[in-house]
C-alpha atoms as a PDB file:
ATOM      1  CA  UNK A   1      25.361   0.419  -9.885  1.00  0.00           C
ATOM      2  CA  UNK A   2      22.756  -1.351 -12.013  1.00  0.00           C
ATOM      3  CA  UNK A   3      21.900  -3.724  -9.184  1.00  0.00           C
ATOM      4  CA  UNK A   4      21.278  -0.774  -6.852  1.00  0.00           C
ATOM      5  CA  UNK A   5      18.827   0.876  -9.238  1.00  0.00           C
ATOM      6  CA  UNK A   6      16.944  -2.405  -9.704  1.00  0.00           C
ATOM      7  CA  UNK A   7      16.744  -2.891  -5.918  1.00  0.00           C
ATOM      8  CA  UNK A   8      15.498   0.678  -5.406  1.00  0.00           C
ATOM      9  CA  UNK A   9      12.905   0.201  -8.126  1.00  0.00           C
ATOM     10  CA  UNK A  10      11.618  -3.042  -6.599  1.00  0.00           C
ATOM     11  CA  UNK A  11      11.436  -1.506  -3.128  1.00  0.00           C
ATOM     12  CA  UNK A  12       9.524   1.459  -4.567  1.00  0.00           C
ATOM     13  CA  UNK A  13       7.049  -0.951  -6.181  1.00  0.00           C
ATOM     14  CA  UNK A  14       6.643  -2.865  -2.907  1.00  0.00           C
ATOM     15  CA  UNK A  15       6.139   0.340  -0.878  1.00  0.00           C
ATOM     16  CA  UNK A  16       3.554   1.489  -3.427  1.00  0.00           C
ATOM     17  CA  UNK A  17       1.695  -1.814  -3.089  1.00  0.00           C
ATOM     18  CA  UNK A  18       1.806  -1.553   0.714  1.00  0.00           C
ATOM     19  CA  UNK A  19       0.482   2.018   0.516  1.00  0.00           C
ATOM     20  CA  UNK A  20      -2.407   0.900  -1.736  1.00  0.00           C
ATOM     21  CA  UNK A  21      -3.162  -2.035   0.602  1.00  0.00           C
ATOM     22  CA  UNK A  22      -3.209   0.279   3.635  1.00  0.00           C
ATOM     23  CA  UNK A  23      -5.461   2.751   1.797  1.00  0.00           C
ATOM     24  CA  UNK A  24      -7.900  -0.019   0.837  1.00  0.00           C
ATOM     25  CA  UNK A  25      -7.894  -1.391   4.382  1.00  0.00           C
ATOM     26  CA  UNK A  26      -8.641   2.042   5.869  1.00  0.00           C
ATOM     27  CA  UNK A  27     -11.481   2.569   3.384  1.00  0.00           C
ATOM     28  CA  UNK A  28     -12.937  -0.826   4.277  1.00  0.00           C
ATOM     29  CA  UNK A  29     -12.702   0.026   7.989  1.00  0.00           C
ATOM     30  CA  UNK A  30     -14.549   3.323   7.429  1.00  0.00           C
ATOM     31  CA  UNK A  31     -17.288   1.562   5.446  1.00  0.00           C
ATOM     32  CA  UNK A  32     -17.588  -1.103   8.161  1.00  0.00           C
ATOM     33  CA  UNK A  33     -17.872   1.518  10.906  1.00  0.00           C
ATOM     34  CA  UNK A  34     -20.540   3.433   8.948  1.00  0.00           C
ATOM     35  CA  UNK A  35     -22.507   0.223   8.414  1.00  0.00           C
ATOM     36  CA  UNK A  36     -22.445  -0.641  12.134  1.00  0.00           C
ATOM     37  CA  UNK A  37     -23.578   2.785  13.399  1.00  0.00           C
END
């Protein structure tokens, strides 16, 4: 039981990091596109 909660917590942290990374990447892409045009 304890192991499961720890695993879920770690996966939530990882998914949050991935979400932040994707958000940052999309923002950078938008800025890059605006700079080119």
